[in-house]
Structures are given as structure tokens and as C-alpha cells.
Amino acid sequence: MAASLHLARSQVHVGWSRGFEPVATVASGSEITVETQDASGGQLVPGSTAASVAALDFTRVNPVNGPVFVEGARPGDVLQVDVL
């Protein structure tokens, strides 16, 4: 197996764009550990109320980790991802 990689919860974007630069490059077969954020981007915590939901900053919702570039992958390729 190739080397492992850790993506921190701070390595996110709040949208999808092919223009985003990869936060990392990995070889095929690499194992990646990803710290994810909840859909609120960390704005809702235990004890949050309906007022907390009303006060959400929607520019921070639905964070997405990455992107990660897989060496040798080309547009149109299918990548197998196993969630461990």
C-alpha cells in the first residue's frame, strides 16, 4: 500500500469547482484519513437552539474536504474508493 495521508478539517471548500487546486497528491492505493465537519461547518454544537439555526452563516454550510489529486488519474477515469 502507498503512504497514508491525513486531511485536516480545515482543508475544505464550500462548493464544487474543477478550478480548486488539490490540497494533496497521492498515489493510487493510498490511504487517506479525513477529518470532516458537519453540514453546518461547525456552527451548530450541542446546546444549539432554533435561534442558532436561524443565525447560520450559509457561506459556511456543506464543507467539502479536498480536492485530492490521484497520480495517473485522467478525466473520465473511474476511481474506486473504499470507506474503511
PDB file of N, CA and C in Angstrom:
ATOM      1  N   MET A   1       0.842  -1.187   0.000  1.00  0.00           N
ATOM      2  CA  MET A   1       0.000   0.000   0.000  1.00  0.00           C
ATOM      3  C   MET A   1       0.882   1.244   0.000  1.00  0.00           C
ATOM      4  N   ALA A   2       0.430   2.266  -0.677  1.00  0.00           N
ATOM      5  CA  ALA A   2       1.153   3.538  -0.726  1.00  0.00           C
ATOM      6  C   ALA A   2       1.057   4.239   0.630  1.00  0.00           C
ATOM      7  N   ALA A   3       1.792   5.303   0.781  1.00  0.00           N
ATOM      8  CA  ALA A   3       1.817   6.064   2.028  1.00  0.00           C
ATOM      9  C   ALA A   3       0.432   6.585   2.388  1.00  0.00           C
ATOM     10  N   SER A   4       0.244   6.873   3.677  1.00  0.00           N
ATOM     11  CA  SER A   4      -1.041   7.409   4.119  1.00  0.00           C
ATOM     12  C   SER A   4      -0.986   8.937   4.165  1.00  0.00           C
ATOM     13  N   LEU A   5      -2.155   9.533   4.168  1.00  0.00           N
ATOM     14  CA  LEU A   5      -2.294  10.991   4.155  1.00  0.00           C
ATOM     15  C   LEU A   5      -3.385  11.368   5.131  1.00  0.00           C
ATOM     16  N   HIS A   6      -3.231  12.486   5.806  1.00  0.00           N
ATOM     17  CA  HIS A   6      -4.242  12.994   6.727  1.00  0.00           C
ATOM     18  C   HIS A   6      -4.720  14.355   6.231  1.00  0.00           C
ATOM     19  N   LEU A   7      -6.029  14.485   6.027  1.00  0.00           N
ATOM     20  CA  LEU A   7      -6.615  15.781   5.673  1.00  0.00           C
ATOM     21  C   LEU A   7      -7.294  16.354   6.909  1.00  0.00           C
ATOM     22  N   ALA A   8      -6.906  17.552   7.313  1.00  0.00           N
ATOM     23  CA  ALA A   8      -7.485  18.200   8.483  1.00  0.00           C
ATOM     24  C   ALA A   8      -8.832  18.824   8.141  1.00  0.00           C
ATOM     25  N   ARG A   9      -9.644  19.027   9.156  1.00  0.00           N
ATOM     26  CA  ARG A   9     -10.972  19.622   8.939  1.00  0.00           C
ATOM     27  C   ARG A   9     -10.896  21.038   8.376  1.00  0.00           C
ATOM     28  N   SER A  10      -9.712  21.643   8.426  1.00  0.00           N
ATOM     29  CA  SER A  10      -9.549  22.988   7.866  1.00  0.00           C
ATOM     30  C   SER A  10      -9.300  22.966   6.358  1.00  0.00           C
ATOM     31  N   GLN A  11      -9.055  21.791   5.779  1.00  0.00           N
ATOM     32  CA  GLN A  11      -8.755  21.685   4.352  1.00  0.00           C
ATOM     33  C   GLN A  11     -10.045  21.444   3.570  1.00  0.00           C
ATOM     34  N   VAL A  12     -10.897  22.462   3.575  1.00  0.00           N
ATOM     35  CA  VAL A  12     -12.213  22.337   2.951  1.00  0.00           C
ATOM     36  C   VAL A  12     -12.505  23.501   2.005  1.00  0.00           C
ATOM     37  N   HIS A  13     -13.499  23.256   1.184  1.00  0.00           N
ATOM     38  CA  HIS A  13     -14.119  24.289   0.352  1.00  0.00           C
ATOM     39  C   HIS A  13     -15.605  24.207   0.623  1.00  0.00           C
ATOM     40  N   VAL A  14     -16.332  25.260   0.331  1.00  0.00           N
ATOM     41  CA  VAL A  14     -17.783  25.217   0.473  1.00  0.00           C
ATOM     42  C   VAL A  14     -18.419  25.331  -0.903  1.00  0.00           C
ATOM     43  N   GLY A  15     -18.132  24.358  -1.720  1.00  0.00           N
ATOM     44  CA  GLY A  15     -18.676  24.292  -3.071  1.00  0.00           C
ATOM     45  C   GLY A  15     -17.864  23.320  -3.887  1.00  0.00           C
ATOM     46  N   TRP A  16     -18.293  23.081  -5.087  1.00  0.00           N
ATOM     47  CA  TRP A  16     -17.597  22.188  -6.011  1.00  0.00           C
ATOM     48  C   TRP A  16     -17.113  23.002  -7.193  1.00  0.00           C
ATOM     49  N   SER A  17     -15.850  22.847  -7.551  1.00  0.00           N
ATOM     50  CA  SER A  17     -15.322  23.530  -8.725  1.00  0.00           C
ATOM     51  C   SER A  17     -14.076  22.800  -9.205  1.00  0.00           C
ATOM     52  N   ARG A  18     -14.008  22.554 -10.477  1.00  0.00           N
ATOM     53  CA  ARG A  18     -12.803  21.935 -11.023  1.00  0.00           C
ATOM     54  C   ARG A  18     -11.623  22.897 -10.953  1.00  0.00           C
ATOM     55  N   GLY A  19     -11.891  24.166 -10.633  1.00  0.00           N
ATOM     56  CA  GLY A  19     -10.838  25.159 -10.512  1.00  0.00           C
ATOM     57  C   GLY A  19     -10.108  25.136  -9.177  1.00  0.00           C
ATOM     58  N   PHE A  20     -10.638  24.396  -8.180  1.00  0.00           N
ATOM     59  CA  PHE A  20      -9.959  24.317  -6.890  1.00  0.00           C
ATOM     60  C   PHE A  20      -8.665  23.535  -7.041  1.00  0.00           C
ATOM     61  N   GLU A  21      -7.586  24.064  -6.516  1.00  0.00           N
ATOM     62  CA  GLU A  21      -6.297  23.380  -6.545  1.00  0.00           C
ATOM     63  C   GLU A  21      -6.324  22.224  -5.544  1.00  0.00           C
ATOM     64  N   PRO A  22      -5.711  21.096  -5.881  1.00  0.00           N
ATOM     65  CA  PRO A  22      -5.656  19.975  -4.937  1.00  0.00           C
ATOM     66  C   PRO A  22      -4.921  20.367  -3.658  1.00  0.00           C
ATOM     67  N   VAL A  23      -5.431  19.868  -2.520  1.00  0.00           N
ATOM     68  CA  VAL A  23      -4.748  20.101  -1.248  1.00  0.00           C
ATOM     69  C   VAL A  23      -3.660  19.064  -1.037  1.00  0.00           C
ATOM     70  N   ALA A  24      -3.688  17.994  -1.839  1.00  0.00           N
ATOM     71  CA  ALA A  24      -2.684  16.938  -1.728  1.00  0.00           C
ATOM     72  C   ALA A  24      -2.670  16.119  -3.014  1.00  0.00           C
ATOM     73  N   THR A  25      -1.566  15.425  -3.228  1.00  0.00           N
ATOM     74  CA  THR A  25      -1.418  14.493  -4.342  1.00  0.00           C
ATOM     75  C   THR A  25      -1.057  13.142  -3.750  1.00  0.00           C
ATOM     76  N   VAL A  26      -1.744  12.092  -4.211  1.00  0.00           N
ATOM     77  CA  VAL A  26      -1.488  10.752  -3.684  1.00  0.00           C
ATOM     78  C   VAL A  26      -1.329   9.762  -4.825  1.00  0.00           C
ATOM     79  N   ALA A  27      -0.648   8.675  -4.544  1.00  0.00           N
ATOM     80  CA  ALA A  27      -0.536   7.565  -5.489  1.00  0.00           C
ATOM     81  C   ALA A  27      -1.787   6.703  -5.370  1.00  0.00           C
ATOM     82  N   SER A  28      -2.115   6.005  -6.432  1.00  0.00           N
ATOM     83  CA  SER A  28      -3.214   5.051  -6.383  1.00  0.00           C
ATOM     84  C   SER A  28      -2.938   4.044  -5.271  1.00  0.00           C
ATOM     85  N   GLY A  29      -3.961   3.713  -4.502  1.00  0.00           N
ATOM     86  CA  GLY A  29      -3.803   2.775  -3.395  1.00  0.00           C
ATOM     87  C   GLY A  29      -3.485   3.414  -2.067  1.00  0.00           C
ATOM     88  N   SER A  30      -3.333   4.734  -2.047  1.00  0.00           N
ATOM     89  CA  SER A  30      -3.036   5.427  -0.794  1.00  0.00           C
ATOM     90  C   SER A  30      -4.232   5.382   0.143  1.00  0.00           C
ATOM     91  N   GLU A  31      -3.936   5.420   1.424  1.00  0.00           N
ATOM     92  CA  GLU A  31      -4.983   5.509   2.438  1.00  0.00           C
ATOM     93  C   GLU A  31      -5.032   6.938   2.947  1.00  0.00           C
ATOM     94  N   ILE A  32      -6.226   7.517   2.983  1.00  0.00           N
ATOM     95  CA  ILE A  32      -6.412   8.904   3.408  1.00  0.00           C
ATOM     96  C   ILE A  32      -7.319   8.917   4.632  1.00  0.00           C
ATOM     97  N   THR A  33      -6.880   9.602   5.668  1.00  0.00           N
ATOM     98  CA  THR A  33      -7.720   9.844   6.837  1.00  0.00           C
ATOM     99  C   THR A  33      -8.258  11.266   6.703  1.00  0.00           C
ATOM    100  N   VAL A  34      -9.572  11.405   6.824  1.00  0.00           N
ATOM    101  CA  VAL A  34     -10.202  12.704   6.608  1.00  0.00           C
ATOM    102  C   VAL A  34     -10.970  13.121   7.849  1.00  0.00           C
ATOM    103  N   GLU A  35     -10.645  14.295   8.383  1.00  0.00           N
ATOM    104  CA  GLU A  35     -11.429  14.899   9.463  1.00  0.00           C
ATOM    105  C   GLU A  35     -12.538  15.703   8.794  1.00  0.00           C
ATOM    106  N   THR A  36     -13.766  15.317   9.007  1.00  0.00           N
ATOM    107  CA  THR A  36     -14.879  16.015   8.367  1.00  0.00           C
ATOM    108  C   THR A  36     -15.569  16.958   9.335  1.00  0.00           C
ATOM    109  N   GLN A  37     -16.234  17.934   8.776  1.00  0.00           N
ATOM    110  CA  GLN A  37     -17.076  18.834   9.552  1.00  0.00           C
ATOM    111  C   GLN A  37     -18.531  18.458   9.303  1.00  0.00           C
ATOM    112  N   ASP A  38     -19.401  18.843  10.209  1.00  0.00           N
ATOM    113  CA  ASP A  38     -20.819  18.619   9.980  1.00  0.00           C
ATOM    114  C   ASP A  38     -21.300  19.602   8.912  1.00  0.00           C
ATOM    115  N   ALA A  39     -22.511  19.409   8.444  1.00  0.00           N
ATOM    116  CA  ALA A  39     -23.037  20.224   7.350  1.00  0.00           C
ATOM    117  C   ALA A  39     -23.133  21.707   7.693  1.00  0.00           C
ATOM    118  N   SER A  40     -23.152  22.037   8.976  1.00  0.00           N
ATOM    119  CA  SER A  40     -23.226  23.456   9.353  1.00  0.00           C
ATOM    120  C   SER A  40     -21.851  24.112   9.345  1.00  0.00           C
ATOM    121  N   GLY A  41     -20.818  23.340   9.057  1.00  0.00           N
ATOM    122  CA  GLY A  41     -19.469  23.894   9.095  1.00  0.00           C
ATOM    123  C   GLY A  41     -19.014  24.184  10.509  1.00  0.00           C
ATOM    124  N   GLY A  42     -19.533  23.427  11.463  1.00  0.00           N
ATOM    125  CA  GLY A  42     -19.139  23.600  12.858  1.00  0.00           C
ATOM    126  C   GLY A  42     -19.900  24.687  13.592  1.00  0.00           C
ATOM    127  N   GLN A  43     -20.933  25.223  12.976  1.00  0.00           N
ATOM    128  CA  GLN A  43     -21.687  26.309  13.612  1.00  0.00           C
ATOM    129  C   GLN A  43     -22.732  25.817  14.609  1.00  0.00           C
ATOM    130  N   LEU A  44     -23.182  24.573  14.456  1.00  0.00           N
ATOM    131  CA  LEU A  44     -24.161  24.017  15.389  1.00  0.00           C
ATOM    132  C   LEU A  44     -23.456  23.030  16.301  1.00  0.00           C
ATOM    133  N   VAL A  45     -23.653  23.182  17.586  1.00  0.00           N
ATOM    134  CA  VAL A  45     -22.997  22.363  18.593  1.00  0.00           C
ATOM    135  C   VAL A  45     -24.053  21.868  19.580  1.00  0.00           C
ATOM    136  N   PRO A  46     -23.688  20.914  20.436  1.00  0.00           N
ATOM    137  CA  PRO A  46     -24.653  20.527  21.462  1.00  0.00           C
ATOM    138  C   PRO A  46     -25.134  21.766  22.212  1.00  0.00           C
ATOM    139  N   GLY A  47     -26.417  21.852  22.393  1.00  0.00           N
ATOM    140  CA  GLY A  47     -26.986  23.022  23.060  1.00  0.00           C
ATOM    141  C   GLY A  47     -27.467  24.092  22.095  1.00  0.00           C
ATOM    142  N   SER A  48     -27.213  23.918  20.800  1.00  0.00           N
ATOM    143  CA  SER A  48     -27.725  24.889  19.822  1.00  0.00           C
ATOM    144  C   SER A  48     -29.244  24.881  19.847  1.00  0.00           C
ATOM    145  N   THR A  49     -29.821  25.994  19.495  1.00  0.00           N
ATOM    146  CA  THR A  49     -31.280  26.161  19.534  1.00  0.00           C
ATOM    147  C   THR A  49     -31.804  26.514  18.145  1.00  0.00           C
ATOM    148  N   ALA A  50     -33.099  26.669  18.040  1.00  0.00           N
ATOM    149  CA  ALA A  50     -33.697  27.103  16.782  1.00  0.00           C
ATOM    150  C   ALA A  50     -33.130  28.463  16.373  1.00  0.00           C
ATOM    151  N   ALA A  51     -32.821  29.304  17.340  1.00  0.00           N
ATOM    152  CA  ALA A  51     -32.216  30.604  17.038  1.00  0.00           C
ATOM    153  C   ALA A  51     -30.829  30.422  16.421  1.00  0.00           C
ATOM    154  N   SER A  52     -30.113  29.394  16.847  1.00  0.00           N
ATOM    155  CA  SER A  52     -28.794  29.103  16.275  1.00  0.00           C
ATOM    156  C   SER A  52     -28.926  28.752  14.801  1.00  0.00           C
ATOM    157  N   VAL A  53     -29.944  27.980  14.470  1.00  0.00           N
ATOM    158  CA  VAL A  53     -30.180  27.605  13.082  1.00  0.00           C
ATOM    159  C   VAL A  53     -30.525  28.850  12.265  1.00  0.00           C
ATOM    160  N   ALA A  54     -31.343  29.715  12.811  1.00  0.00           N
ATOM    161  CA  ALA A  54     -31.730  30.935  12.111  1.00  0.00           C
ATOM    162  C   ALA A  54     -30.542  31.861  11.885  1.00  0.00           C
ATOM    163  N   ALA A  55     -29.527  31.759  12.737  1.00  0.00           N
ATOM    164  CA  ALA A  55     -28.356  32.639  12.650  1.00  0.00           C
ATOM    165  C   ALA A  55     -27.215  32.045  11.827  1.00  0.00           C
ATOM    166  N   LEU A  56     -27.435  30.881  11.196  1.00  0.00           N
ATOM    167  CA  LEU A  56     -26.361  30.248  10.427  1.00  0.00           C
ATOM    168  C   LEU A  56     -25.803  31.162   9.345  1.00  0.00           C
ATOM    169  N   ASP A  57     -24.505  31.122   9.182  1.00  0.00           N
ATOM    170  CA  ASP A  57     -23.822  31.795   8.075  1.00  0.00           C
ATOM    171  C   ASP A  57     -23.795  30.787   6.925  1.00  0.00           C
ATOM    172  N   PHE A  58     -24.680  30.974   5.939  1.00  0.00           N
ATOM    173  CA  PHE A  58     -24.821  29.996   4.869  1.00  0.00           C
ATOM    174  C   PHE A  58     -23.635  29.969   3.905  1.00  0.00           C
ATOM    175  N   THR A  59     -22.689  30.881   4.053  1.00  0.00           N
ATOM    176  CA  THR A  59     -21.468  30.787   3.245  1.00  0.00           C
ATOM    177  C   THR A  59     -20.531  29.731   3.802  1.00  0.00           C
ATOM    178  N   ARG A  60     -20.868  29.169   4.970  1.00  0.00           N
ATOM    179  CA  ARG A  60     -20.016  28.153   5.607  1.00  0.00           C
ATOM    180  C   ARG A  60     -20.647  26.765   5.623  1.00  0.00           C
ATOM    181  N   VAL A  61     -21.841  26.590   5.062  1.00  0.00           N
ATOM    182  CA  VAL A  61     -22.503  25.291   5.150  1.00  0.00           C
ATOM    183  C   VAL A  61     -22.025  24.338   4.052  1.00  0.00           C
ATOM    184  N   ASN A  62     -22.170  23.047   4.328  1.00  0.00           N
ATOM    185  CA  ASN A  62     -21.805  21.959   3.428  1.00  0.00           C
ATOM    186  C   ASN A  62     -20.339  21.977   3.002  1.00  0.00           C
ATOM    187  N   PRO A  63     -19.410  21.997   3.972  1.00  0.00           N
ATOM    188  CA  PRO A  63     -17.989  21.976   3.625  1.00  0.00           C
ATOM    189  C   PRO A  63     -17.593  20.642   2.989  1.00  0.00           C
ATOM    190  N   VAL A  64     -16.679  20.702   2.044  1.00  0.00           N
ATOM    191  CA  VAL A  64     -16.197  19.525   1.319  1.00  0.00           C
ATOM    192  C   VAL A  64     -14.677  19.468   1.467  1.00  0.00           C
ATOM    193  N   ASN A  65     -14.148  18.317   1.913  1.00  0.00           N
ATOM    194  CA  ASN A  65     -12.696  18.164   2.041  1.00  0.00           C
ATOM    195  C   ASN A  65     -12.050  17.964   0.679  1.00  0.00           C
ATOM    196  N   GLY A  66     -10.818  18.482   0.553  1.00  0.00           N
ATOM    197  CA  GLY A  66     -10.069  18.248  -0.677  1.00  0.00           C
ATOM    198  C   GLY A  66     -10.021  19.488  -1.545  1.00  0.00           C
ATOM    199  N   PRO A  67      -9.847  19.272  -2.814  1.00  0.00           N
ATOM    200  CA  PRO A  67      -9.762  18.010  -3.540  1.00  0.00           C
ATOM    201  C   PRO A  67      -8.390  17.350  -3.406  1.00  0.00           C
ATOM    202  N   VAL A  68      -8.370  16.058  -3.729  1.00  0.00           N
ATOM    203  CA  VAL A  68      -7.139  15.270  -3.710  1.00  0.00           C
ATOM    204  C   VAL A  68      -6.861  14.809  -5.132  1.00  0.00           C
ATOM    205  N   PHE A  69      -5.642  15.019  -5.591  1.00  0.00           N
ATOM    206  CA  PHE A  69      -5.235  14.586  -6.930  1.00  0.00           C
ATOM    207  C   PHE A  69      -4.645  13.186  -6.827  1.00  0.00           C
ATOM    208  N   VAL A  70      -5.155  12.263  -7.641  1.00  0.00           N
ATOM    209  CA  VAL A  70      -4.629  10.897  -7.676  1.00  0.00           C
ATOM    210  C   VAL A  70      -3.698  10.783  -8.873  1.00  0.00           C
ATOM    211  N   GLU A  71      -2.427  10.491  -8.599  1.00  0.00           N
ATOM    212  CA  GLU A  71      -1.431  10.382  -9.673  1.00  0.00           C
ATOM    213  C   GLU A  71      -1.875   9.366 -10.720  1.00  0.00           C
ATOM    214  N   GLY A  72      -1.780   9.747 -11.967  1.00  0.00           N
ATOM    215  CA  GLY A  72      -2.127   8.866 -13.071  1.00  0.00           C
ATOM    216  C   GLY A  72      -3.586   8.908 -13.471  1.00  0.00           C
ATOM    217  N   ALA A  73      -4.448   9.494 -12.646  1.00  0.00           N
ATOM    218  CA  ALA A  73      -5.868   9.582 -12.986  1.00  0.00           C
ATOM    219  C   ALA A  73      -6.068  10.651 -14.057  1.00  0.00           C
ATOM    220  N   ARG A  74      -6.952  10.374 -14.967  1.00  0.00           N
ATOM    221  CA  ARG A  74      -7.236  11.298 -16.073  1.00  0.00           C
ATOM    222  C   ARG A  74      -8.733  11.567 -16.135  1.00  0.00           C
ATOM    223  N   PRO A  75      -9.142  12.687 -16.714  1.00  0.00           N
ATOM    224  CA  PRO A  75     -10.578  12.963 -16.863  1.00  0.00           C
ATOM    225  C   PRO A  75     -11.285  11.780 -17.534  1.00  0.00           C
ATOM    226  N   GLY A  76     -12.409  11.399 -16.960  1.00  0.00           N
ATOM    227  CA  GLY A  76     -13.178  10.282 -17.493  1.00  0.00           C
ATOM    228  C   GLY A  76     -12.868   8.958 -16.819  1.00  0.00           C
ATOM    229  N   ASP A  77     -11.766   8.878 -16.061  1.00  0.00           N
ATOM    230  CA  ASP A  77     -11.435   7.649 -15.344  1.00  0.00           C
ATOM    231  C   ASP A  77     -12.437   7.418 -14.212  1.00  0.00           C
ATOM    232  N   VAL A  78     -12.611   6.173 -13.846  1.00  0.00           N
ATOM    233  CA  VAL A  78     -13.415   5.800 -12.698  1.00  0.00           C
ATOM    234  C   VAL A  78     -12.457   5.440 -11.571  1.00  0.00           C
ATOM    235  N   LEU A  79     -12.649   6.035 -10.396  1.00  0.00           N
ATOM    236  CA  LEU A  79     -11.796   5.754  -9.255  1.00  0.00           C
ATOM    237  C   LEU A  79     -12.564   4.940  -8.229  1.00  0.00           C
ATOM    238  N   GLN A  80     -11.966   3.887  -7.732  1.00  0.00           N
ATOM    239  CA  GLN A  80     -12.569   3.092  -6.682  1.00  0.00           C
ATOM    240  C   GLN A  80     -12.152   3.672  -5.344  1.00  0.00           C
ATOM    241  N   VAL A  81     -13.129   3.966  -4.485  1.00  0.00           N
ATOM    242  CA  VAL A  81     -12.871   4.494  -3.161  1.00  0.00           C
ATOM    243  C   VAL A  81     -13.513   3.553  -2.149  1.00  0.00           C
ATOM    244  N   ASP A  82     -12.712   3.031  -1.245  1.00  0.00           N
ATOM    245  CA  ASP A  82     -13.213   2.156  -0.188  1.00  0.00           C
ATOM    246  C   ASP A  82     -13.258   2.962   1.108  1.00  0.00           C
ATOM    247  N   VAL A  83     -14.415   2.996   1.764  1.00  0.00           N
ATOM    248  CA  VAL A  83     -14.547   3.667   3.052  1.00  0.00           C
ATOM    249  C   VAL A  83     -14.277   2.628   4.123  1.00  0.00           C
ATOM    250  N   LEU A  84     -13.212   2.871   4.893  1.00  0.00           N
ATOM    251  CA  LEU A  84     -12.805   1.901   5.923  1.00  0.00           C
ATOM    252  C   LEU A  84     -13.361   2.307   7.279  1.00  0.00           C
TER     253      LEU A  84
END
